[in-house]
mmCIF file of all heavy atoms, coordinates in Angstrom:
data_MODEL
# 
_entry.id   MODEL 
# 
loop_
_atom_site.group_PDB 
_atom_site.id 
_atom_site.type_symbol 
_atom_site.label_atom_id 
_atom_site.label_alt_id 
_atom_site.label_comp_id 
_atom_site.label_asym_id 
_atom_site.label_entity_id 
_atom_site.label_seq_id 
_atom_site.pdbx_PDB_ins_code 
_atom_site.Cartn_x 
_atom_site.Cartn_y 
_atom_site.Cartn_z 
_atom_site.occupancy 
_atom_site.B_iso_or_equiv 
_atom_site.pdbx_formal_charge 
_atom_site.auth_seq_id 
_atom_site.auth_comp_id 
_atom_site.auth_asym_id 
_atom_site.auth_atom_id 
_atom_site.pdbx_PDB_model_num 
ATOM 1   N N   . CYS A 1 1  ? -106.844 -144.276 4.889  1.00 0.00 ? 1  CYS A N   1 
ATOM 2   C CA  . CYS A 1 1  ? -107.147 -145.156 6.101  1.00 0.00 ? 1  CYS A CA  1 
ATOM 3   C C   . CYS A 1 1  ? -108.393 -144.633 6.900  1.00 0.00 ? 1  CYS A C   1 
ATOM 4   O O   . CYS A 1 1  ? -108.972 -145.423 7.636  1.00 0.00 ? 1  CYS A O   1 
ATOM 5   C CB  . CYS A 1 1  ? -105.954 -145.401 6.885  1.00 0.00 ? 1  CYS A CB  1 
ATOM 6   S SG  . CYS A 1 1  ? -105.401 -144.039 7.867  1.00 0.00 ? 1  CYS A SG  1 
ATOM 7   N N   . GLY A 1 2  ? -108.592 -143.374 6.890  1.00 0.00 ? 2  GLY A N   1 
ATOM 8   C CA  . GLY A 1 2  ? -109.703 -142.815 7.688  1.00 0.00 ? 2  GLY A CA  1 
ATOM 9   C C   . GLY A 1 2  ? -109.354 -142.496 9.207  1.00 0.00 ? 2  GLY A C   1 
ATOM 10  O O   . GLY A 1 2  ? -110.147 -141.934 9.809  1.00 0.00 ? 2  GLY A O   1 
ATOM 11  N N   . ALA A 1 3  ? -108.182 -142.819 9.628  1.00 0.00 ? 3  ALA A N   1 
ATOM 12  C CA  . ALA A 1 3  ? -107.774 -142.706 11.038 1.00 0.00 ? 3  ALA A CA  1 
ATOM 13  C C   . ALA A 1 3  ? -107.722 -141.221 11.481 1.00 0.00 ? 3  ALA A C   1 
ATOM 14  O O   . ALA A 1 3  ? -107.882 -140.830 12.588 1.00 0.00 ? 3  ALA A O   1 
ATOM 15  C CB  . ALA A 1 3  ? -106.424 -143.354 11.403 1.00 0.00 ? 3  ALA A CB  1 
ATOM 16  N N   . CYS A 1 4  ? -107.599 -140.254 10.500 1.00 0.00 ? 4  CYS A N   1 
ATOM 17  C CA  . CYS A 1 4  ? -107.527 -138.868 10.869 1.00 0.00 ? 4  CYS A CA  1 
ATOM 18  C C   . CYS A 1 4  ? -108.780 -138.088 10.577 1.00 0.00 ? 4  CYS A C   1 
ATOM 19  O O   . CYS A 1 4  ? -108.805 -136.873 10.574 1.00 0.00 ? 4  CYS A O   1 
ATOM 20  C CB  . CYS A 1 4  ? -106.364 -138.222 9.979  1.00 0.00 ? 4  CYS A CB  1 
ATOM 21  S SG  . CYS A 1 4  ? -106.939 -138.187 8.126  1.00 0.00 ? 4  CYS A SG  1 
ATOM 22  N N   . THR A 1 5  ? -109.981 -138.858 10.415 1.00 0.00 ? 5  THR A N   1 
ATOM 23  C CA  . THR A 1 5  ? -111.184 -138.168 10.109 1.00 0.00 ? 5  THR A CA  1 
ATOM 24  C C   . THR A 1 5  ? -111.603 -137.330 11.261 1.00 0.00 ? 5  THR A C   1 
ATOM 25  O O   . THR A 1 5  ? -111.641 -137.676 12.418 1.00 0.00 ? 5  THR A O   1 
ATOM 26  C CB  . THR A 1 5  ? -112.264 -139.285 9.872  1.00 0.00 ? 5  THR A CB  1 
ATOM 27  O OG1 . THR A 1 5  ? -111.862 -140.242 8.883  1.00 0.00 ? 5  THR A OG1 1 
ATOM 28  C CG2 . THR A 1 5  ? -113.592 -138.629 9.540  1.00 0.00 ? 5  THR A CG2 1 
ATOM 29  N N   . VAL A 1 6  ? -111.981 -136.047 10.881 1.00 0.00 ? 6  VAL A N   1 
ATOM 30  C CA  . VAL A 1 6  ? -112.534 -135.032 11.794 1.00 0.00 ? 6  VAL A CA  1 
ATOM 31  C C   . VAL A 1 6  ? -113.863 -134.504 11.089 1.00 0.00 ? 6  VAL A C   1 
ATOM 32  O O   . VAL A 1 6  ? -114.074 -134.815 9.955  1.00 0.00 ? 6  VAL A O   1 
ATOM 33  C CB  . VAL A 1 6  ? -111.582 -133.894 12.099 1.00 0.00 ? 6  VAL A CB  1 
ATOM 34  C CG1 . VAL A 1 6  ? -110.361 -134.420 12.754 1.00 0.00 ? 6  VAL A CG1 1 
ATOM 35  C CG2 . VAL A 1 6  ? -111.245 -133.191 10.740 1.00 0.00 ? 6  VAL A CG2 1 
ATOM 36  N N   . LEU A 1 7  ? -114.623 -133.703 11.890 1.00 0.00 ? 7  LEU A N   1 
ATOM 37  C CA  . LEU A 1 7  ? -115.824 -133.129 11.243 1.00 0.00 ? 7  LEU A CA  1 
ATOM 38  C C   . LEU A 1 7  ? -115.305 -131.623 11.111 1.00 0.00 ? 7  LEU A C   1 
ATOM 39  O O   . LEU A 1 7  ? -114.810 -130.956 11.872 1.00 0.00 ? 7  LEU A O   1 
ATOM 40  C CB  . LEU A 1 7  ? -116.907 -133.095 12.216 1.00 0.00 ? 7  LEU A CB  1 
ATOM 41  C CG  . LEU A 1 7  ? -117.574 -134.516 12.686 1.00 0.00 ? 7  LEU A CG  1 
ATOM 42  C CD1 . LEU A 1 7  ? -118.711 -134.116 13.615 1.00 0.00 ? 7  LEU A CD1 1 
ATOM 43  C CD2 . LEU A 1 7  ? -118.078 -135.195 11.436 1.00 0.00 ? 7  LEU A CD2 1 
ATOM 44  N N   . LEU A 1 8  ? -115.574 -131.197 9.803  1.00 0.00 ? 8  LEU A N   1 
ATOM 45  C CA  . LEU A 1 8  ? -115.258 -129.842 9.354  1.00 0.00 ? 8  LEU A CA  1 
ATOM 46  C C   . LEU A 1 8  ? -116.472 -129.334 9.092  1.00 0.00 ? 8  LEU A C   1 
ATOM 47  O O   . LEU A 1 8  ? -117.147 -129.552 8.150  1.00 0.00 ? 8  LEU A O   1 
ATOM 48  C CB  . LEU A 1 8  ? -114.270 -129.864 8.239  1.00 0.00 ? 8  LEU A CB  1 
ATOM 49  C CG  . LEU A 1 8  ? -113.798 -128.484 7.720  1.00 0.00 ? 8  LEU A CG  1 
ATOM 50  C CD1 . LEU A 1 8  ? -113.052 -127.804 8.707  1.00 0.00 ? 8  LEU A CD1 1 
ATOM 51  C CD2 . LEU A 1 8  ? -112.808 -128.736 6.470  1.00 0.00 ? 8  LEU A CD2 1 
ATOM 52  N N   . ASP A 1 9  ? -117.002 -128.419 9.867  1.00 0.00 ? 9  ASP A N   1 
ATOM 53  C CA  . ASP A 1 9  ? -118.370 -127.800 9.758  1.00 0.00 ? 9  ASP A CA  1 
ATOM 54  C C   . ASP A 1 9  ? -119.454 -128.984 9.584  1.00 0.00 ? 9  ASP A C   1 
ATOM 55  O O   . ASP A 1 9  ? -120.314 -128.848 8.923  1.00 0.00 ? 9  ASP A O   1 
ATOM 56  C CB  . ASP A 1 9  ? -118.521 -126.853 8.525  1.00 0.00 ? 9  ASP A CB  1 
ATOM 57  C CG  . ASP A 1 9  ? -117.784 -125.592 8.713  1.00 0.00 ? 9  ASP A CG  1 
ATOM 58  O OD1 . ASP A 1 9  ? -117.565 -125.216 9.901  1.00 0.00 ? 9  ASP A OD1 1 
ATOM 59  O OD2 . ASP A 1 9  ? -117.247 -124.939 7.690  1.00 0.00 ? 9  ASP A OD2 1 
ATOM 60  N N   . GLY A 1 10 ? -119.236 -129.935 10.520 1.00 0.00 ? 10 GLY A N   1 
ATOM 61  C CA  . GLY A 1 10 ? -120.239 -131.105 10.609 1.00 0.00 ? 10 GLY A CA  1 
ATOM 62  C C   . GLY A 1 10 ? -120.026 -132.211 9.515  1.00 0.00 ? 10 GLY A C   1 
ATOM 63  O O   . GLY A 1 10 ? -120.800 -133.126 9.615  1.00 0.00 ? 10 GLY A O   1 
ATOM 64  N N   . GLU A 1 11 ? -119.226 -131.989 8.577  1.00 0.00 ? 11 GLU A N   1 
ATOM 65  C CA  . GLU A 1 11 ? -118.917 -132.988 7.597  1.00 0.00 ? 11 GLU A CA  1 
ATOM 66  C C   . GLU A 1 11 ? -117.673 -133.723 7.767  1.00 0.00 ? 11 GLU A C   1 
ATOM 67  O O   . GLU A 1 11 ? -116.689 -133.162 8.106  1.00 0.00 ? 11 GLU A O   1 
ATOM 68  C CB  . GLU A 1 11 ? -118.919 -132.325 6.131  1.00 0.00 ? 11 GLU A CB  1 
ATOM 69  C CG  . GLU A 1 11 ? -120.147 -131.578 5.683  1.00 0.00 ? 11 GLU A CG  1 
ATOM 70  C CD  . GLU A 1 11 ? -121.377 -132.528 5.289  1.00 0.00 ? 11 GLU A CD  1 
ATOM 71  O OE1 . GLU A 1 11 ? -121.034 -133.593 4.779  1.00 0.00 ? 11 GLU A OE1 1 
ATOM 72  O OE2 . GLU A 1 11 ? -122.355 -132.182 5.582  1.00 0.00 ? 11 GLU A OE2 1 
ATOM 73  N N   . ALA A 1 12 ? -117.746 -134.989 7.608  1.00 0.00 ? 12 ALA A N   1 
ATOM 74  C CA  . ALA A 1 12 ? -116.445 -135.872 7.651  1.00 0.00 ? 12 ALA A CA  1 
ATOM 75  C C   . ALA A 1 12 ? -115.380 -135.408 6.715  1.00 0.00 ? 12 ALA A C   1 
ATOM 76  O O   . ALA A 1 12 ? -115.644 -135.204 5.574  1.00 0.00 ? 12 ALA A O   1 
ATOM 77  C CB  . ALA A 1 12 ? -116.771 -137.335 7.499  1.00 0.00 ? 12 ALA A CB  1 
ATOM 78  N N   . ALA A 1 13 ? -114.063 -135.199 7.228  1.00 0.00 ? 13 ALA A N   1 
ATOM 79  C CA  . ALA A 1 13 ? -113.112 -134.746 6.304  1.00 0.00 ? 13 ALA A CA  1 
ATOM 80  C C   . ALA A 1 13 ? -111.789 -135.463 6.878  1.00 0.00 ? 13 ALA A C   1 
ATOM 81  O O   . ALA A 1 13 ? -111.628 -135.708 7.963  1.00 0.00 ? 13 ALA A O   1 
ATOM 82  C CB  . ALA A 1 13 ? -112.943 -133.238 6.336  1.00 0.00 ? 13 ALA A CB  1 
ATOM 83  N N   . ARG A 1 14 ? -110.958 -135.747 5.946  1.00 0.00 ? 14 ARG A N   1 
ATOM 84  C CA  . ARG A 1 14 ? -109.673 -136.367 6.229  1.00 0.00 ? 14 ARG A CA  1 
ATOM 85  C C   . ARG A 1 14 ? -108.611 -135.249 6.561  1.00 0.00 ? 14 ARG A C   1 
ATOM 86  O O   . ARG A 1 14 ? -108.219 -134.551 5.582  1.00 0.00 ? 14 ARG A O   1 
ATOM 87  C CB  . ARG A 1 14 ? -109.107 -137.204 5.005  1.00 0.00 ? 14 ARG A CB  1 
ATOM 88  C CG  . ARG A 1 14 ? -109.970 -138.304 4.603  1.00 0.00 ? 14 ARG A CG  1 
ATOM 89  C CD  . ARG A 1 14 ? -110.155 -139.378 5.563  1.00 0.00 ? 14 ARG A CD  1 
ATOM 90  N NE  . ARG A 1 14 ? -110.497 -140.644 5.084  1.00 0.00 ? 14 ARG A NE  1 
ATOM 91  C CZ  . ARG A 1 14 ? -111.691 -141.228 5.298  1.00 0.00 ? 14 ARG A CZ  1 
ATOM 92  N NH1 . ARG A 1 14 ? -112.414 -140.778 6.102  1.00 0.00 ? 14 ARG A NH1 1 
ATOM 93  N NH2 . ARG A 1 14 ? -111.952 -142.266 4.589  1.00 0.00 ? 14 ARG A NH2 1 
ATOM 94  N N   . SER A 1 15 ? -108.284 -135.077 7.772  1.00 0.00 ? 15 SER A N   1 
ATOM 95  C CA  . SER A 1 15 ? -107.502 -134.006 8.207  1.00 0.00 ? 15 SER A CA  1 
ATOM 96  C C   . SER A 1 15 ? -106.059 -133.978 7.627  1.00 0.00 ? 15 SER A C   1 
ATOM 97  O O   . SER A 1 15 ? -105.361 -132.992 7.683  1.00 0.00 ? 15 SER A O   1 
ATOM 98  C CB  . SER A 1 15 ? -107.555 -133.768 9.730  1.00 0.00 ? 15 SER A CB  1 
ATOM 99  O OG  . SER A 1 15 ? -106.954 -135.027 10.344 1.00 0.00 ? 15 SER A OG  1 
ATOM 100 N N   . CYS A 1 16 ? -105.583 -135.232 7.286  1.00 0.00 ? 16 CYS A N   1 
ATOM 101 C CA  . CYS A 1 16 ? -104.293 -135.198 6.733  1.00 0.00 ? 16 CYS A CA  1 
ATOM 102 C C   . CYS A 1 16 ? -104.189 -134.647 5.212  1.00 0.00 ? 16 CYS A C   1 
ATOM 103 O O   . CYS A 1 16 ? -103.189 -134.309 4.745  1.00 0.00 ? 16 CYS A O   1 
ATOM 104 C CB  . CYS A 1 16 ? -103.809 -136.683 6.620  1.00 0.00 ? 16 CYS A CB  1 
ATOM 105 S SG  . CYS A 1 16 ? -104.492 -137.698 5.405  1.00 0.00 ? 16 CYS A SG  1 
ATOM 106 N N   . LEU A 1 17 ? -105.413 -134.504 4.625  1.00 0.00 ? 17 LEU A N   1 
ATOM 107 C CA  . LEU A 1 17 ? -105.324 -133.975 3.409  1.00 0.00 ? 17 LEU A CA  1 
ATOM 108 C C   . LEU A 1 17 ? -105.933 -132.392 3.222  1.00 0.00 ? 17 LEU A C   1 
ATOM 109 O O   . LEU A 1 17 ? -105.933 -131.808 2.243  1.00 0.00 ? 17 LEU A O   1 
ATOM 110 C CB  . LEU A 1 17 ? -106.423 -134.648 2.498  1.00 0.00 ? 17 LEU A CB  1 
ATOM 111 C CG  . LEU A 1 17 ? -106.126 -136.172 2.224  1.00 0.00 ? 17 LEU A CG  1 
ATOM 112 C CD1 . LEU A 1 17 ? -107.170 -136.850 1.295  1.00 0.00 ? 17 LEU A CD1 1 
ATOM 113 C CD2 . LEU A 1 17 ? -104.755 -136.168 1.559  1.00 0.00 ? 17 LEU A CD2 1 
ATOM 114 N N   . VAL A 1 18 ? -106.282 -131.910 4.432  1.00 0.00 ? 18 VAL A N   1 
ATOM 115 C CA  . VAL A 1 18 ? -106.722 -130.475 4.515  1.00 0.00 ? 18 VAL A CA  1 
ATOM 116 C C   . VAL A 1 18 ? -105.688 -129.673 5.211  1.00 0.00 ? 18 VAL A C   1 
ATOM 117 O O   . VAL A 1 18 ? -105.088 -130.049 6.225  1.00 0.00 ? 18 VAL A O   1 
ATOM 118 C CB  . VAL A 1 18 ? -107.991 -130.389 5.630  1.00 0.00 ? 18 VAL A CB  1 
ATOM 119 C CG1 . VAL A 1 18 ? -108.390 -128.917 5.675  1.00 0.00 ? 18 VAL A CG1 1 
ATOM 120 C CG2 . VAL A 1 18 ? -109.184 -131.234 5.042  1.00 0.00 ? 18 VAL A CG2 1 
ATOM 121 N N   . LEU A 1 19 ? -105.328 -128.630 4.526  1.00 0.00 ? 19 LEU A N   1 
ATOM 122 C CA  . LEU A 1 19 ? -104.280 -127.662 5.083  1.00 0.00 ? 19 LEU A CA  1 
ATOM 123 C C   . LEU A 1 19 ? -104.939 -126.968 6.251  1.00 0.00 ? 19 LEU A C   1 
ATOM 124 O O   . LEU A 1 19 ? -106.168 -126.528 6.096  1.00 0.00 ? 19 LEU A O   1 
ATOM 125 C CB  . LEU A 1 19 ? -103.814 -126.752 3.937  1.00 0.00 ? 19 LEU A CB  1 
ATOM 126 C CG  . LEU A 1 19 ? -103.004 -127.357 2.902  1.00 0.00 ? 19 LEU A CG  1 
ATOM 127 C CD1 . LEU A 1 19 ? -102.644 -126.330 1.913  1.00 0.00 ? 19 LEU A CD1 1 
ATOM 128 C CD2 . LEU A 1 19 ? -101.731 -128.131 3.423  1.00 0.00 ? 19 LEU A CD2 1 
ATOM 129 N N   . ALA A 1 20 ? -104.231 -126.580 7.237  1.00 0.00 ? 20 ALA A N   1 
ATOM 130 C CA  . ALA A 1 20 ? -104.764 -125.939 8.446  1.00 0.00 ? 20 ALA A CA  1 
ATOM 131 C C   . ALA A 1 20 ? -105.398 -124.723 7.846  1.00 0.00 ? 20 ALA A C   1 
ATOM 132 O O   . ALA A 1 20 ? -106.421 -124.221 8.438  1.00 0.00 ? 20 ALA A O   1 
ATOM 133 C CB  . ALA A 1 20 ? -103.658 -125.686 9.498  1.00 0.00 ? 20 ALA A CB  1 
ATOM 134 N N   . VAL A 1 21 ? -104.762 -123.866 6.960  1.00 0.00 ? 21 VAL A N   1 
ATOM 135 C CA  . VAL A 1 21 ? -105.268 -122.651 6.534  1.00 0.00 ? 21 VAL A CA  1 
ATOM 136 C C   . VAL A 1 21 ? -106.656 -122.634 5.900  1.00 0.00 ? 21 VAL A C   1 
ATOM 137 O O   . VAL A 1 21 ? -107.376 -121.732 5.854  1.00 0.00 ? 21 VAL A O   1 
ATOM 138 C CB  . VAL A 1 21 ? -104.227 -121.862 5.655  1.00 0.00 ? 21 VAL A CB  1 
ATOM 139 C CG1 . VAL A 1 21 ? -103.086 -121.454 6.402  1.00 0.00 ? 21 VAL A CG1 1 
ATOM 140 C CG2 . VAL A 1 21 ? -103.914 -122.679 4.466  1.00 0.00 ? 21 VAL A CG2 1 
ATOM 141 N N   . GLN A 1 22 ? -106.957 -123.953 5.313  1.00 0.00 ? 22 GLN A N   1 
ATOM 142 C CA  . GLN A 1 22 ? -108.302 -124.122 4.748  1.00 0.00 ? 22 GLN A CA  1 
ATOM 143 C C   . GLN A 1 22 ? -109.336 -124.210 5.831  1.00 0.00 ? 22 GLN A C   1 
ATOM 144 O O   . GLN A 1 22 ? -110.580 -124.132 5.490  1.00 0.00 ? 22 GLN A O   1 
ATOM 145 C CB  . GLN A 1 22 ? -108.280 -125.500 3.963  1.00 0.00 ? 22 GLN A CB  1 
ATOM 146 C CG  . GLN A 1 22 ? -107.428 -125.278 2.647  1.00 0.00 ? 22 GLN A CG  1 
ATOM 147 C CD  . GLN A 1 22 ? -107.334 -126.641 1.976  1.00 0.00 ? 22 GLN A CD  1 
ATOM 148 O OE1 . GLN A 1 22 ? -106.799 -127.617 2.520  1.00 0.00 ? 22 GLN A OE1 1 
ATOM 149 N NE2 . GLN A 1 22 ? -107.955 -126.720 0.811  1.00 0.00 ? 22 GLN A NE2 1 
ATOM 150 N N   . ALA A 1 23 ? -108.992 -124.402 7.075  1.00 0.00 ? 23 ALA A N   1 
ATOM 151 C CA  . ALA A 1 23 ? -110.034 -124.480 8.066  1.00 0.00 ? 23 ALA A CA  1 
ATOM 152 C C   . ALA A 1 23 ? -110.166 -123.136 8.765  1.00 0.00 ? 23 ALA A C   1 
ATOM 153 O O   . ALA A 1 23 ? -111.013 -122.995 9.729  1.00 0.00 ? 23 ALA A O   1 
ATOM 154 C CB  . ALA A 1 23 ? -109.491 -125.472 9.095  1.00 0.00 ? 23 ALA A CB  1 
ATOM 155 N N   . ASP A 1 24 ? -109.593 -122.192 8.357  1.00 0.00 ? 24 ASP A N   1 
ATOM 156 C CA  . ASP A 1 24 ? -109.757 -120.727 8.764  1.00 0.00 ? 24 ASP A CA  1 
ATOM 157 C C   . ASP A 1 24 ? -111.117 -120.306 8.869  1.00 0.00 ? 24 ASP A C   1 
ATOM 158 O O   . ASP A 1 24 ? -111.811 -120.415 7.849  1.00 0.00 ? 24 ASP A O   1 
ATOM 159 C CB  . ASP A 1 24 ? -108.860 -119.786 8.098  1.00 0.00 ? 24 ASP A CB  1 
ATOM 160 C CG  . ASP A 1 24 ? -108.876 -118.435 8.658  1.00 0.00 ? 24 ASP A CG  1 
ATOM 161 O OD1 . ASP A 1 24 ? -108.846 -118.222 10.044 1.00 0.00 ? 24 ASP A OD1 1 
ATOM 162 O OD2 . ASP A 1 24 ? -108.716 -117.436 7.928  1.00 0.00 ? 24 ASP A OD2 1 
ATOM 163 N N   . GLY A 1 25 ? -111.656 -119.876 9.989  1.00 0.00 ? 25 GLY A N   1 
ATOM 164 C CA  . GLY A 1 25 ? -113.114 -119.495 9.965  1.00 0.00 ? 25 GLY A CA  1 
ATOM 165 C C   . GLY A 1 25 ? -114.097 -120.663 10.086 1.00 0.00 ? 25 GLY A C   1 
ATOM 166 O O   . GLY A 1 25 ? -115.328 -120.257 10.208 1.00 0.00 ? 25 GLY A O   1 
ATOM 167 N N   . HIS A 1 26 ? -113.602 -121.929 10.187 1.00 0.00 ? 26 HIS A N   1 
ATOM 168 C CA  . HIS A 1 26 ? -114.537 -123.088 10.252 1.00 0.00 ? 26 HIS A CA  1 
ATOM 169 C C   . HIS A 1 26 ? -114.505 -123.763 11.688 1.00 0.00 ? 26 HIS A C   1 
ATOM 170 O O   . HIS A 1 26 ? -113.743 -123.382 12.500 1.00 0.00 ? 26 HIS A O   1 
ATOM 171 C CB  . HIS A 1 26 ? -114.121 -124.007 9.201  1.00 0.00 ? 26 HIS A CB  1 
ATOM 172 C CG  . HIS A 1 26 ? -114.259 -123.470 7.776  1.00 0.00 ? 26 HIS A CG  1 
ATOM 173 N ND1 . HIS A 1 26 ? -115.562 -123.427 7.119  1.00 0.00 ? 26 HIS A ND1 1 
ATOM 174 C CD2 . HIS A 1 26 ? -113.386 -122.865 7.071  1.00 0.00 ? 26 HIS A CD2 1 
ATOM 175 C CE1 . HIS A 1 26 ? -115.310 -122.886 5.944  1.00 0.00 ? 26 HIS A CE1 1 
ATOM 176 N NE2 . HIS A 1 26 ? -114.095 -122.578 5.761  1.00 0.00 ? 26 HIS A NE2 1 
ATOM 177 N N   . GLN A 1 27 ? -115.530 -124.706 11.850 1.00 0.00 ? 27 GLN A N   1 
ATOM 178 C CA  . GLN A 1 27 ? -115.587 -125.424 13.008 1.00 0.00 ? 27 GLN A CA  1 
ATOM 179 C C   . GLN A 1 27 ? -115.021 -126.856 12.825 1.00 0.00 ? 27 GLN A C   1 
ATOM 180 O O   . GLN A 1 27 ? -115.336 -127.463 11.871 1.00 0.00 ? 27 GLN A O   1 
ATOM 181 C CB  . GLN A 1 27 ? -117.119 -125.460 13.466 1.00 0.00 ? 27 GLN A CB  1 
ATOM 182 C CG  . GLN A 1 27 ? -117.675 -124.171 13.879 1.00 0.00 ? 27 GLN A CG  1 
ATOM 183 C CD  . GLN A 1 27 ? -119.023 -124.424 14.243 1.00 0.00 ? 27 GLN A CD  1 
ATOM 184 O OE1 . GLN A 1 27 ? -119.605 -125.434 14.505 1.00 0.00 ? 27 GLN A OE1 1 
ATOM 185 N NE2 . GLN A 1 27 ? -119.813 -123.400 14.326 1.00 0.00 ? 27 GLN A NE2 1 
ATOM 186 N N   . VAL A 1 28 ? -114.120 -127.190 13.653 1.00 0.00 ? 28 VAL A N   1 
ATOM 187 C CA  . VAL A 1 28 ? -113.478 -128.517 13.538 1.00 0.00 ? 28 VAL A CA  1 
ATOM 188 C C   . VAL A 1 28 ? -113.874 -129.269 14.793 1.00 0.00 ? 28 VAL A C   1 
ATOM 189 O O   . VAL A 1 28 ? -113.844 -128.757 15.998 1.00 0.00 ? 28 VAL A O   1 
ATOM 190 C CB  . VAL A 1 28 ? -111.912 -128.483 13.531 1.00 0.00 ? 28 VAL A CB  1 
ATOM 191 C CG1 . VAL A 1 28 ? -111.306 -129.933 13.525 1.00 0.00 ? 28 VAL A CG1 1 
ATOM 192 C CG2 . VAL A 1 28 ? -111.517 -127.751 12.292 1.00 0.00 ? 28 VAL A CG2 1 
ATOM 193 N N   . THR A 1 29 ? -114.310 -130.541 14.593 1.00 0.00 ? 29 THR A N   1 
ATOM 194 C CA  . THR A 1 29 ? -114.675 -131.493 15.752 1.00 0.00 ? 29 THR A CA  1 
ATOM 195 C C   . THR A 1 29 ? -113.907 -132.710 15.600 1.00 0.00 ? 29 THR A C   1 
ATOM 196 O O   . THR A 1 29 ? -113.952 -133.313 14.659 1.00 0.00 ? 29 THR A O   1 
ATOM 197 C CB  . THR A 1 29 ? -116.128 -131.719 15.821 1.00 0.00 ? 29 THR A CB  1 
ATOM 198 O OG1 . THR A 1 29 ? -116.938 -130.418 15.881 1.00 0.00 ? 29 THR A OG1 1 
ATOM 199 C CG2 . THR A 1 29 ? -116.487 -132.497 17.178 1.00 0.00 ? 29 THR A CG2 1 
# 
């Protein structure tokens, strides 16, 4: 659906499909 879209290092990403540990060391907006 795209409702959970965030920027992960400036790229659009579905945050429901990304594990929090995969964002370690990255920038989330």
